[in-house]
Amino acid sequence: MKRIGYLLFASLFFFSCNQEKLKIKGEIEGLADGSLLIKLKTNKEFDEKCIDTLLVENSEFEFSSEAIKPPVRFTAWVNDSCEFDIYIGNYGSFDVVGKLDDLKQIHVNTDDLASEYYAYCNRLDSIYIEPIQAKLEWVKQKNIIVERGGKLTQEDEFRMFDYNKDIKKAQSRRRMAILKTVRANPTSYVMMAVIQKEYQAFNTRHKAEMIKIFRKRFSDTALFWQMGD
């Protein structure tokens, strides 16, 4: 399934004991009229944690809650080939604007943490992903051929082996860079959001380490609903 994802950030917790409220007003150019599901990002089936169904009109939607204590992460589900993540870090009203076909240019107005989050993720991509982007695309296309019953030439098989080795190495270096940043910044809302996005890519030992680190600052709900196995 092709997944379109983008990250809209503000910061992270759960279950409010007061009447403070968070509100999101979205305007995403290219978002078709219809229903938009808001779900909590978990490792379970999404419909088990679907918390609201929104109406999209003229590419606009609104969501609000008094029961959810930020910071927390939601996923807005459009259809099987399009969903995007929303990070909210504080109570208040936030305007989410952007284009569905240009997901790196999404903005959460009045949120400085969003800029910090995007800067960190873009820096990771520029260092570890962009240098192997051509190899990723080549491997993807060859895998499609194999899935459709085709066969690779011997030359392509050797190249596939080398490319996969390079890709795994880059991905491993990227994970270790994230982990080192978490260790150096254990109270960072930005890094908590990064880990929420990247959590399943880490091994069991590193998962346990990060939960231990973040438990000192963030609620169990945020950890185990959104990071737990």
Protein backbone atom coordinates (compact mmCIF):
# COMPACT_ATOMS: atom_id res chain seq x y z
CA MET A 1 0.00 0.00 0.00
CA LYS A 2 1.35 3.32 -0.96
CA ARG A 3 1.29 5.58 2.03
CA ILE A 4 1.39 9.33 1.92
CA GLY A 5 2.50 10.70 5.24
CA TYR A 6 3.45 14.03 6.60
CA LEU A 7 4.22 15.32 9.96
CA LEU A 8 2.53 18.27 11.59
CA PHE A 9 4.09 19.02 14.93
CA ALA A 10 3.52 20.94 18.13
CA SER A 11 4.74 18.60 21.15
CA LEU A 12 3.21 15.57 23.47
CA PHE A 13 0.64 13.57 27.02
CA PHE A 14 -2.96 12.45 27.64
CA PHE A 15 -6.21 12.60 29.71
CA SER A 16 -7.05 16.10 30.82
CA CYS A 17 -8.29 16.79 34.32
CA ASN A 18 -9.33 20.34 33.49
CA GLN A 19 -11.36 22.10 30.82
CA GLU A 20 -8.47 23.19 28.65
CA LYS A 21 -9.05 22.40 25.01
CA LEU A 22 -7.14 21.79 21.83
CA LYS A 23 -8.54 22.66 18.43
CA ILE A 24 -7.23 22.02 14.94
CA LYS A 25 -8.48 23.78 11.84
CA GLY A 26 -7.03 22.28 8.71
CA GLU A 27 -6.88 23.52 5.14
CA ILE A 28 -4.99 21.08 2.94
CA GLU A 29 -5.12 21.94 -0.75
CA GLY A 30 -5.99 18.87 -2.79
CA LEU A 31 -7.85 17.13 0.05
CA ALA A 32 -11.11 15.93 -1.49
CA ASP A 33 -14.54 16.41 0.08
CA GLY A 34 -15.71 13.49 2.19
CA SER A 35 -14.91 11.82 5.49
CA LEU A 36 -11.63 12.08 7.40
CA LEU A 37 -10.98 9.65 10.25
CA ILE A 38 -9.00 10.84 13.25
CA LYS A 39 -7.32 7.98 15.06
CA LEU A 40 -4.70 7.50 17.70
CA LYS A 41 -1.44 6.20 16.30
CA THR A 42 -1.03 2.76 17.85
CA ASN A 43 0.31 -0.63 16.90
CA LYS A 44 -3.20 -2.07 16.85
CA GLU A 45 -5.77 -1.94 14.06
CA PHE A 46 -6.65 1.71 13.46
CA ASP A 47 -10.41 1.20 13.86
CA GLU A 48 -9.88 0.09 17.47
CA LYS A 49 -8.64 3.59 18.30
CA CYS A 50 -10.62 5.71 15.87
CA ILE A 51 -11.74 8.68 17.97
CA ASP A 52 -13.62 10.89 15.51
CA THR A 53 -14.90 11.16 11.95
CA LEU A 54 -14.62 14.62 10.40
CA LEU A 55 -16.32 16.13 7.39
CA VAL A 56 -14.05 17.63 4.73
CA GLU A 57 -15.55 20.48 2.71
CA ASN A 58 -13.56 22.64 0.30
CA SER A 59 -10.36 20.97 1.54
CA GLU A 60 -11.07 22.14 5.11
CA PHE A 61 -11.75 20.24 8.34
CA GLU A 62 -11.92 20.92 12.09
CA PHE A 63 -11.18 18.80 15.14
CA SER A 64 -11.36 19.64 18.83
CA SER A 65 -11.15 17.79 22.14
CA GLU A 66 -11.26 18.50 25.86
CA ALA A 67 -10.50 14.89 26.81
CA ILE A 68 -7.05 14.59 25.28
CA LYS A 69 -4.09 16.14 27.01
CA PRO A 70 -1.26 17.18 24.69
CA PRO A 71 1.36 16.46 23.67
CA VAL A 72 -0.14 13.61 21.64
CA ARG A 73 -0.02 12.20 18.12
CA PHE A 74 -2.98 11.62 15.82
CA THR A 75 -3.27 10.17 12.36
CA ALA A 76 -5.73 11.61 9.85
CA TRP A 77 -6.85 8.76 7.59
CA VAL A 78 -8.20 9.71 4.16
CA ASN A 79 -8.11 6.34 2.40
CA ASP A 80 -5.85 3.30 1.98
CA SER A 81 -3.30 5.30 0.01
CA CYS A 82 -3.37 8.57 1.94
CA GLU A 83 -2.96 9.31 5.61
CA PHE A 84 -0.96 11.89 7.52
CA ASP A 85 0.21 12.42 11.07
CA ILE A 86 -0.55 15.39 13.28
CA TYR A 87 1.49 16.23 16.37
CA ILE A 88 -0.01 18.57 18.95
CA GLY A 89 2.03 19.74 21.91
CA ASN A 90 -0.04 22.35 23.70
CA TYR A 91 -3.59 23.37 24.41
CA GLY A 92 -4.94 26.03 22.09
CA SER A 93 -6.06 26.54 18.52
CA PHE A 94 -3.83 25.59 15.60
CA ASP A 95 -4.19 26.22 11.88
CA VAL A 96 -2.78 23.42 9.76
CA VAL A 97 -2.16 24.50 6.17
CA GLY A 98 -0.46 22.99 3.17
CA LYS A 99 -0.78 20.98 -0.04
CA LEU A 100 -1.43 17.28 -0.26
CA ASP A 101 1.05 16.93 -3.12
CA ASP A 102 3.81 18.84 -1.31
CA LEU A 103 3.86 17.26 2.12
CA LYS A 104 7.18 18.76 3.23
CA GLN A 105 5.67 22.24 3.04
CA ILE A 106 2.96 21.77 5.67
CA HIS A 107 2.80 24.35 8.44
CA VAL A 108 1.28 24.38 11.92
CA ASN A 109 0.83 28.08 12.56
CA THR A 110 2.06 29.63 15.84
CA ASP A 111 4.16 26.57 16.71
CA ASP A 112 7.92 27.05 16.89
CA LEU A 113 8.47 23.38 17.71
CA ALA A 114 7.13 22.43 14.30
CA SER A 115 10.01 24.28 12.66
CA GLU A 116 12.52 22.53 14.91
CA TYR A 117 10.96 19.15 14.16
CA TYR A 118 11.00 19.67 10.39
CA ALA A 119 14.57 20.94 10.50
CA TYR A 120 15.76 17.84 12.36
CA CYS A 121 13.91 15.39 10.06
CA ASN A 122 15.08 17.16 6.92
CA ARG A 123 18.65 17.12 8.24
CA LEU A 124 18.42 13.36 8.81
CA ASP A 125 17.08 12.81 5.31
CA SER A 126 19.76 14.97 3.71
CA ILE A 127 22.54 13.06 5.48
CA TYR A 128 21.30 9.47 5.31
CA ILE A 129 18.43 9.10 2.82
CA GLU A 130 19.07 11.47 -0.07
CA PRO A 131 22.49 9.91 -0.92
CA ILE A 132 20.79 6.51 -1.41
CA GLN A 133 17.52 7.75 -2.91
CA ALA A 134 18.35 6.48 -6.40
CA LYS A 135 19.19 3.04 -4.97
CA LEU A 136 15.94 2.98 -3.01
CA GLU A 137 13.96 3.73 -6.15
CA TRP A 138 15.85 1.12 -8.17
CA VAL A 139 15.25 -1.58 -5.54
CA LYS A 140 11.58 -0.62 -5.31
CA GLN A 141 11.09 -0.97 -9.07
CA LYS A 142 12.89 -4.31 -9.22
CA ASN A 143 10.84 -5.65 -6.31
CA ILE A 144 7.66 -4.73 -8.20
CA ILE A 145 8.90 -6.75 -11.18
CA VAL A 146 9.57 -9.77 -8.94
CA GLU A 147 6.19 -9.45 -7.19
CA ARG A 148 4.51 -9.56 -10.61
CA GLY A 149 6.24 -12.81 -11.46
CA GLY A 150 9.22 -11.41 -13.32
CA LYS A 151 12.83 -12.44 -12.89
CA LEU A 152 16.00 -10.46 -12.37
CA THR A 153 19.11 -10.88 -14.45
CA GLN A 154 22.20 -12.12 -12.70
CA GLU A 155 23.66 -8.63 -12.95
CA ASP A 156 20.54 -7.18 -11.33
CA GLU A 157 20.68 -9.78 -8.55
CA PHE A 158 24.24 -8.76 -7.71
CA ARG A 159 23.26 -5.11 -7.85
CA MET A 160 20.22 -5.78 -5.64
CA PHE A 161 22.47 -7.39 -3.04
CA ASP A 162 24.89 -4.45 -3.04
CA TYR A 163 22.14 -1.83 -2.97
CA ASN A 164 20.27 -3.52 -0.13
CA LYS A 165 23.50 -3.67 1.85
CA ASP A 166 24.07 0.06 1.31
CA ILE A 167 20.45 0.86 2.20
CA LYS A 168 20.56 -1.16 5.43
CA LYS A 169 23.82 0.51 6.40
CA ALA A 170 22.38 3.99 5.84
CA GLN A 171 19.21 3.14 7.74
CA SER A 172 21.24 1.75 10.64
CA ARG A 173 23.37 4.89 10.78
CA ARG A 174 20.22 7.00 10.74
CA ARG A 175 18.71 5.05 13.67
CA MET A 176 21.92 5.40 15.68
CA ALA A 177 22.00 9.15 15.00
CA ILE A 178 18.46 9.41 16.38
CA LEU A 179 19.33 7.32 19.41
CA LYS A 180 22.40 9.42 20.20
CA THR A 181 20.29 12.59 19.98
CA VAL A 182 17.69 11.08 22.33
CA ARG A 183 20.39 10.19 24.86
CA ALA A 184 21.73 13.73 24.71
CA ASN A 185 18.26 15.33 24.87
CA PRO A 186 16.08 13.09 27.08
CA THR A 187 13.50 15.81 27.79
CA SER A 188 13.02 16.97 24.21
CA TYR A 189 9.46 17.10 22.90
CA VAL A 190 10.86 17.10 19.39
CA MET A 191 12.80 13.87 19.94
CA MET A 192 9.79 12.21 21.56
CA ALA A 193 7.85 12.92 18.35
CA VAL A 194 10.70 11.59 16.21
CA ILE A 195 10.77 8.38 18.24
CA GLN A 196 7.01 8.01 17.96
CA LYS A 197 7.45 8.04 14.20
CA GLU A 198 10.53 5.81 14.06
CA TYR A 199 9.92 3.51 17.04
CA GLN A 200 9.16 0.25 15.20
CA ALA A 201 12.45 0.44 13.27
CA PHE A 202 14.50 -0.05 16.45
CA ASN A 203 15.47 -3.33 18.06
CA THR A 204 14.02 -4.55 21.36
CA ARG A 205 16.93 -3.32 23.47
CA HIS A 206 16.83 0.19 22.05
CA LYS A 207 13.04 0.32 22.37
CA ALA A 208 13.32 -0.52 26.07
CA GLU A 209 16.05 2.08 26.53
CA MET A 210 13.98 4.83 24.93
CA ILE A 211 10.87 3.99 26.94
CA LYS A 212 12.98 4.15 30.10
CA ILE A 213 14.38 7.52 29.07
CA PHE A 214 11.04 9.07 28.17
CA ARG A 215 9.08 7.61 31.09
CA LYS A 216 10.83 10.13 33.33
CA ARG A 217 9.18 12.98 31.42
CA PHE A 218 6.17 11.73 29.48
CA SER A 219 2.97 9.99 30.55
CA ASP A 220 2.49 6.23 30.35
CA THR A 221 -0.43 6.83 28.02
CA ALA A 222 1.74 8.61 25.48
CA LEU A 223 4.37 5.90 25.77
CA PHE A 224 2.33 2.74 25.65
CA TRP A 225 -0.54 3.80 23.43
CA GLN A 226 1.79 5.26 20.87
CA MET A 227 5.05 3.40 21.35
CA GLY A 228 4.27 0.12 23.13
CA ASP A 229 4.33 -3.26 21.45
